[in-house]
Amino acid sequence: MNKTEESKKIVTEFYRTYGIEKDAEKCKQFFGDKYIQHNPHVQDGVDHFLRFVQYRHDHFPEGRNNVMLTIADGDKVMLHVHSVLTPGEPGRNLVDTFRVEDGKVVEHWDVIQDVEVLKFPPINDNGLFNQAGDEILTDLDKTEENRALVTAFYTAYGIEKDADKCAKFLGDTYIQHNPHVQDGPEHFLKFVRFRKEHFPQGRNEIKLTVAQGNLVGFHVHSVLTPGEPGRNLVDIFRVENGKIVEHWDTIQDIEVLKFPPINDNGLY
């Protein structure tokens, strides 16, 4: 088993133990001596995480974190998740990314977005999450080629804001999973031109990349106006025949903290 598959197996089993079974005692086996958190409201350390799992077990016994898409890349695993604490509620659209070291889960980043109750019909009917299961992952031999392609595309979009350059990376189909965004490459290119005109100094800076086969995920710091805190977000793309054809996102505003962060690790 290569490193990527080993990390995927470890994190998948760990996440099921945490997010579905909510078994704090069983979760212990997945940790070593350290556990680094990048959420400013969460303490470092294994004991604090296990306390959180027990709290979820006691107060939200029917809660579930359902993994909808997984990307594994060496020592890192990115999970796109639908989290519902109380059945019947819309829940949260979130991404949890973990780093594995010596067979143990040692570091965690997250982006958390409440699933809103829409007051108008969604602009597209694709849903927030992947519905194709593990079959969505293909072209494992093209991981590095696709990583380079999507990174170049994201630079053209998020830094250069060059719609003409972006167009070269898109296929005839571009499927959006944000309910406020229209399908189709022409609508995305219109968005890029809007960003260039109205937010010329805006930047989407990639802080972490996780790529596997035809799937590429970016953990990003997005700042539209310099000096503002910006947004903590994840963009995930699917590549087909050398073109970007599908996109998921999770977007979280970065709050101005009123108290010092619980840890000093930063969001990224």
Protein backbone atom coordinates (compact mmCIF):
# COMPACT_ATOMS: atom_id res chain seq x y z
CA MET A 1 0.00 0.00 0.00
CA ASN A 2 1.49 3.38 -1.02
CA LYS A 3 1.54 6.42 1.25
CA THR A 4 -1.55 8.00 -0.32
CA GLU A 5 -3.68 4.89 0.08
CA GLU A 6 -2.40 4.33 3.62
CA SER A 7 -3.30 7.90 4.62
CA LYS A 8 -6.73 7.57 3.01
CA LYS A 9 -7.43 4.32 4.87
CA ILE A 10 -6.34 5.76 8.23
CA VAL A 11 -8.31 9.01 7.89
CA THR A 12 -11.42 7.30 6.49
CA GLU A 13 -11.54 4.85 9.41
CA PHE A 14 -10.81 7.62 11.91
CA TYR A 15 -13.50 9.87 10.50
CA ARG A 16 -16.13 7.14 10.58
CA THR A 17 -15.23 6.47 14.22
CA TYR A 18 -15.57 10.16 15.02
CA GLY A 19 -18.34 11.37 12.72
CA ILE A 20 -20.67 8.37 12.64
CA GLU A 21 -19.91 6.19 15.69
CA LYS A 22 -18.83 9.09 17.94
CA ASP A 23 -16.66 6.65 19.90
CA ALA A 24 -14.05 8.69 21.79
CA GLU A 25 -12.30 5.63 23.23
CA LYS A 26 -11.91 4.04 19.80
CA CYS A 27 -10.66 7.32 18.32
CA LYS A 28 -7.59 7.18 20.58
CA GLN A 29 -5.94 4.54 18.41
CA PHE A 30 -5.61 6.99 15.49
CA PHE A 31 -3.54 9.56 17.42
CA GLY A 32 0.03 9.87 18.54
CA ASP A 33 1.37 12.38 21.03
CA LYS A 34 0.36 15.53 19.14
CA TYR A 35 -2.69 16.90 17.37
CA ILE A 36 -2.36 20.38 15.82
CA GLN A 37 -5.54 22.39 15.25
CA HIS A 38 -5.95 25.32 12.82
CA ASN A 39 -9.42 26.38 13.93
CA PRO A 40 -8.81 29.34 16.29
CA HIS A 41 -11.64 28.20 18.57
CA VAL A 42 -10.22 24.69 19.14
CA GLN A 43 -7.44 23.62 21.47
CA ASP A 44 -4.46 21.58 20.34
CA GLY A 45 -4.01 18.11 21.77
CA VAL A 46 -5.60 14.68 21.56
CA ASP A 47 -7.41 14.95 24.90
CA HIS A 48 -9.33 18.03 23.80
CA PHE A 49 -10.48 16.34 20.60
CA LEU A 50 -11.60 13.23 22.46
CA ARG A 51 -13.59 15.41 24.84
CA PHE A 52 -15.28 16.96 21.80
CA VAL A 53 -16.18 13.52 20.41
CA GLN A 54 -17.70 12.51 23.75
CA TYR A 55 -19.68 15.76 23.82
CA ARG A 56 -21.06 15.01 20.36
CA HIS A 57 -21.96 11.50 21.50
CA ASP A 58 -23.76 12.75 24.61
CA HIS A 59 -25.57 15.80 23.19
CA PHE A 60 -26.08 14.91 19.50
CA PRO A 61 -26.47 11.11 19.50
CA GLU A 62 -28.17 11.12 16.08
CA GLY A 63 -25.69 13.53 14.51
CA ARG A 64 -23.72 12.34 11.50
CA ASN A 65 -20.80 13.66 9.47
CA ASN A 66 -21.33 12.07 6.07
CA VAL A 67 -18.27 12.09 3.79
CA MET A 68 -19.39 12.95 0.26
CA LEU A 69 -16.01 13.25 -1.48
CA THR A 70 -12.47 12.22 -0.53
CA ILE A 71 -9.14 13.33 -2.01
CA ALA A 72 -5.96 11.71 -0.69
CA ASP A 73 -2.49 13.01 -1.54
CA GLY A 74 0.56 11.59 0.20
CA ASP A 75 0.25 12.48 3.88
CA LYS A 76 -2.87 14.67 3.44
CA VAL A 77 -6.54 13.73 3.09
CA MET A 78 -9.32 16.21 2.27
CA LEU A 79 -12.93 15.30 3.08
CA HIS A 80 -15.95 17.19 1.76
CA VAL A 81 -18.65 16.53 4.34
CA HIS A 82 -22.34 17.07 5.01
CA SER A 83 -22.62 17.43 8.76
CA VAL A 84 -26.05 17.22 10.42
CA LEU A 85 -26.19 17.38 14.22
CA THR A 86 -29.97 17.06 14.49
CA PRO A 87 -31.94 15.08 11.87
CA GLY A 88 -34.18 17.30 9.77
CA GLU A 89 -31.93 20.36 9.98
CA PRO A 90 -30.02 21.50 6.86
CA GLY A 91 -26.69 21.04 8.63
CA ARG A 92 -23.31 22.27 7.49
CA ASN A 93 -21.25 22.11 4.32
CA LEU A 94 -17.72 21.57 5.54
CA VAL A 95 -14.26 20.44 4.54
CA ASP A 96 -11.96 18.68 7.00
CA THR A 97 -8.35 18.17 5.93
CA PHE A 98 -5.99 15.96 7.92
CA ARG A 99 -2.26 15.26 7.86
CA VAL A 100 -0.93 11.82 8.74
CA GLU A 101 2.54 11.21 10.18
CA ASP A 102 3.98 7.78 11.01
CA GLY A 103 0.53 6.22 10.71
CA LYS A 104 -1.16 8.70 13.07
CA VAL A 105 -3.46 11.70 12.54
CA VAL A 106 -1.43 14.73 13.65
CA GLU A 107 -2.88 17.90 12.11
CA HIS A 108 -6.27 19.32 11.08
CA TRP A 109 -7.64 22.23 9.04
CA ASP A 110 -11.32 23.01 8.49
CA VAL A 111 -13.70 25.27 6.61
CA ILE A 112 -17.26 25.36 7.96
CA GLN A 113 -20.30 26.82 6.21
CA ASP A 114 -23.88 26.61 7.41
CA VAL A 115 -26.23 25.17 4.80
CA GLU A 116 -28.73 27.97 4.36
CA VAL A 117 -32.45 27.54 3.83
CA LEU A 118 -32.95 29.16 0.43
CA LYS A 119 -35.70 31.75 0.06
CA PHE A 120 -35.68 31.34 -3.73
CA PRO A 121 -35.09 28.28 -5.89
CA PRO A 122 -31.39 27.41 -6.43
CA ILE A 123 -29.88 28.68 -9.66
CA ASN A 124 -28.74 25.15 -10.45
CA ASP A 125 -30.13 21.76 -9.42
CA ASN A 126 -26.82 19.97 -8.85
CA GLY A 127 -26.87 19.98 -5.03
CA LEU A 128 -24.03 20.95 -2.72
CA PHE A 129 -22.33 17.56 -2.68
CA ASN A 130 -20.98 14.80 -4.88
CA GLN A 131 -23.61 12.10 -5.42
CA ALA A 132 -21.47 9.72 -7.52
CA GLY A 133 -19.66 8.14 -4.57
CA ASP A 134 -16.10 6.87 -4.94
CA GLU A 135 -16.67 6.26 -8.65
CA ILE A 136 -16.04 9.95 -9.25
CA LEU A 137 -12.30 9.37 -8.74
CA THR A 138 -10.53 8.38 -11.98
CA ASP A 139 -7.25 8.91 -13.87
CA LEU A 140 -4.92 8.21 -10.96
CA ASP A 141 -2.00 8.18 -13.41
CA LYS A 142 -2.73 11.83 -14.30
CA THR A 143 -2.57 13.29 -10.79
CA GLU A 144 0.43 15.55 -11.35
CA GLU A 145 -0.74 16.62 -14.80
CA ASN A 146 -4.13 17.62 -13.38
CA ARG A 147 -2.57 19.31 -10.35
CA ALA A 148 -0.50 21.51 -12.67
CA LEU A 149 -3.47 22.24 -14.93
CA VAL A 150 -5.85 23.28 -12.16
CA THR A 151 -3.15 25.29 -10.36
CA ALA A 152 -2.46 27.25 -13.55
CA PHE A 153 -6.19 27.82 -14.00
CA TYR A 154 -6.60 29.01 -10.43
CA THR A 155 -3.70 31.43 -10.78
CA ALA A 156 -5.30 32.86 -13.94
CA TYR A 157 -8.58 33.24 -12.03
CA GLY A 158 -7.62 34.11 -8.46
CA ILE A 159 -4.48 36.21 -8.96
CA GLU A 160 -4.42 37.46 -12.56
CA LYS A 161 -8.20 37.62 -13.02
CA ASP A 162 -7.64 36.90 -16.73
CA ALA A 163 -10.89 35.56 -18.20
CA ASP A 164 -9.37 34.83 -21.62
CA LYS A 165 -6.65 32.72 -20.07
CA CYS A 166 -9.18 30.93 -17.85
CA ALA A 167 -11.27 30.01 -20.89
CA LYS A 168 -8.49 27.76 -22.20
CA PHE A 169 -8.81 25.48 -19.16
CA LEU A 170 -12.60 24.99 -19.29
CA GLY A 171 -14.56 22.45 -21.29
CA ASP A 172 -17.96 22.87 -22.90
CA THR A 173 -19.53 21.74 -19.60
CA TYR A 174 -18.88 23.40 -16.26
CA ILE A 175 -21.05 22.04 -13.44
CA GLN A 176 -21.49 24.23 -10.35
CA HIS A 177 -22.52 22.98 -6.89
CA ASN A 178 -22.94 26.39 -5.29
CA PRO A 179 -26.73 27.04 -5.44
CA HIS A 180 -26.15 30.72 -6.22
CA VAL A 181 -23.95 30.11 -9.27
CA GLN A 182 -25.03 29.22 -12.81
CA ASP A 183 -23.64 26.27 -14.73
CA GLY A 184 -21.59 26.85 -17.84
CA PRO A 185 -18.14 28.27 -18.58
CA GLU A 186 -19.56 31.52 -19.90
CA HIS A 187 -21.04 32.38 -16.49
CA PHE A 188 -17.76 31.65 -14.74
CA LEU A 189 -15.85 33.86 -17.17
CA LYS A 190 -18.36 36.65 -16.56
CA PHE A 191 -17.61 36.26 -12.83
CA VAL A 192 -13.85 36.54 -13.45
CA ARG A 193 -14.36 39.75 -15.45
CA PHE A 194 -16.55 41.11 -12.64
CA ARG A 195 -13.81 40.39 -10.10
CA LYS A 196 -11.20 42.13 -12.26
CA GLU A 197 -13.38 45.23 -12.71
CA HIS A 198 -14.70 45.60 -9.16
CA PHE A 199 -11.94 44.00 -7.05
CA PRO A 200 -8.73 44.59 -9.02
CA GLN A 201 -6.54 44.03 -5.95
CA GLY A 202 -8.42 40.93 -4.81
CA ARG A 203 -6.43 37.71 -4.47
CA ASN A 204 -7.27 34.06 -3.91
CA GLU A 205 -4.06 32.59 -2.51
CA ILE A 206 -3.67 28.80 -2.38
CA LYS A 207 -2.39 27.73 1.01
CA LEU A 208 -2.69 23.95 0.67
CA THR A 209 -3.25 21.65 -2.31
CA VAL A 210 -4.60 18.09 -2.25
CA ALA A 211 -4.73 16.33 -5.63
CA GLN A 212 -5.61 12.77 -6.62
CA GLY A 213 -6.39 11.63 -10.13
CA ASN A 214 -9.02 13.88 -11.68
CA LEU A 215 -9.79 15.75 -8.42
CA VAL A 216 -7.89 18.79 -7.14
CA GLY A 217 -8.73 20.63 -3.92
CA PHE A 218 -7.35 23.98 -2.78
CA HIS A 219 -7.50 25.44 0.74
CA VAL A 220 -7.50 29.17 0.02
CA HIS A 221 -7.29 32.57 1.68
CA SER A 222 -9.48 34.90 -0.37
CA VAL A 223 -9.24 38.66 0.15
CA LEU A 224 -11.27 40.91 -2.15
CA THR A 225 -10.12 44.22 -0.62
CA PRO A 226 -6.63 44.52 0.94
CA GLY A 227 -6.73 44.95 4.69
CA GLU A 228 -9.93 42.97 5.21
CA PRO A 229 -9.78 39.54 6.93
CA GLY A 230 -11.23 37.87 3.84
CA ARG A 231 -12.60 34.36 3.58
CA ASN A 232 -11.36 30.91 4.48
CA LEU A 233 -12.48 28.62 1.67
CA VAL A 234 -11.98 25.37 -0.19
CA ASP A 235 -12.44 25.01 -3.94
CA ILE A 236 -12.56 21.50 -5.41
CA PHE A 237 -12.39 20.82 -9.15
CA ARG A 238 -12.92 17.77 -11.37
CA VAL A 239 -10.96 17.37 -14.59
CA GLU A 240 -12.14 15.40 -17.60
CA ASN A 241 -10.10 14.94 -20.79
CA GLY A 242 -7.75 17.77 -19.88
CA LYS A 243 -10.50 20.30 -19.10
CA ILE A 244 -12.05 21.52 -15.83
CA VAL A 245 -15.69 20.45 -15.86
CA GLU A 246 -17.03 20.55 -12.27
CA HIS A 247 -16.65 22.63 -9.10
CA TRP A 248 -17.61 22.43 -5.42
CA ASP A 249 -16.91 25.04 -2.75
CA THR A 250 -17.13 25.67 0.97
CA ILE A 251 -16.89 29.32 2.03
CA GLN A 252 -16.43 30.74 5.52
CA ASP A 253 -16.03 34.41 6.40
CA ILE A 254 -13.00 35.03 8.60
CA GLU A 255 -14.29 36.67 11.73
CA VAL A 256 -12.52 39.38 13.65
CA LEU A 257 -11.84 37.65 16.96
CA LYS A 258 -13.02 39.39 20.12
CA PHE A 259 -10.80 37.19 22.29
CA PRO A 260 -7.35 35.76 21.61
CA PRO A 261 -7.34 32.54 19.56
CA ILE A 262 -7.19 29.34 21.59
CA ASN A 263 -4.23 28.19 19.54
CA ASP A 264 -1.52 30.14 17.67
CA ASN A 265 -1.30 27.93 14.58
CA GLY A 266 -3.22 30.16 12.16
CA LEU A 267 -5.96 29.09 9.77
CA TYR A 268 -3.54 27.78 7.12
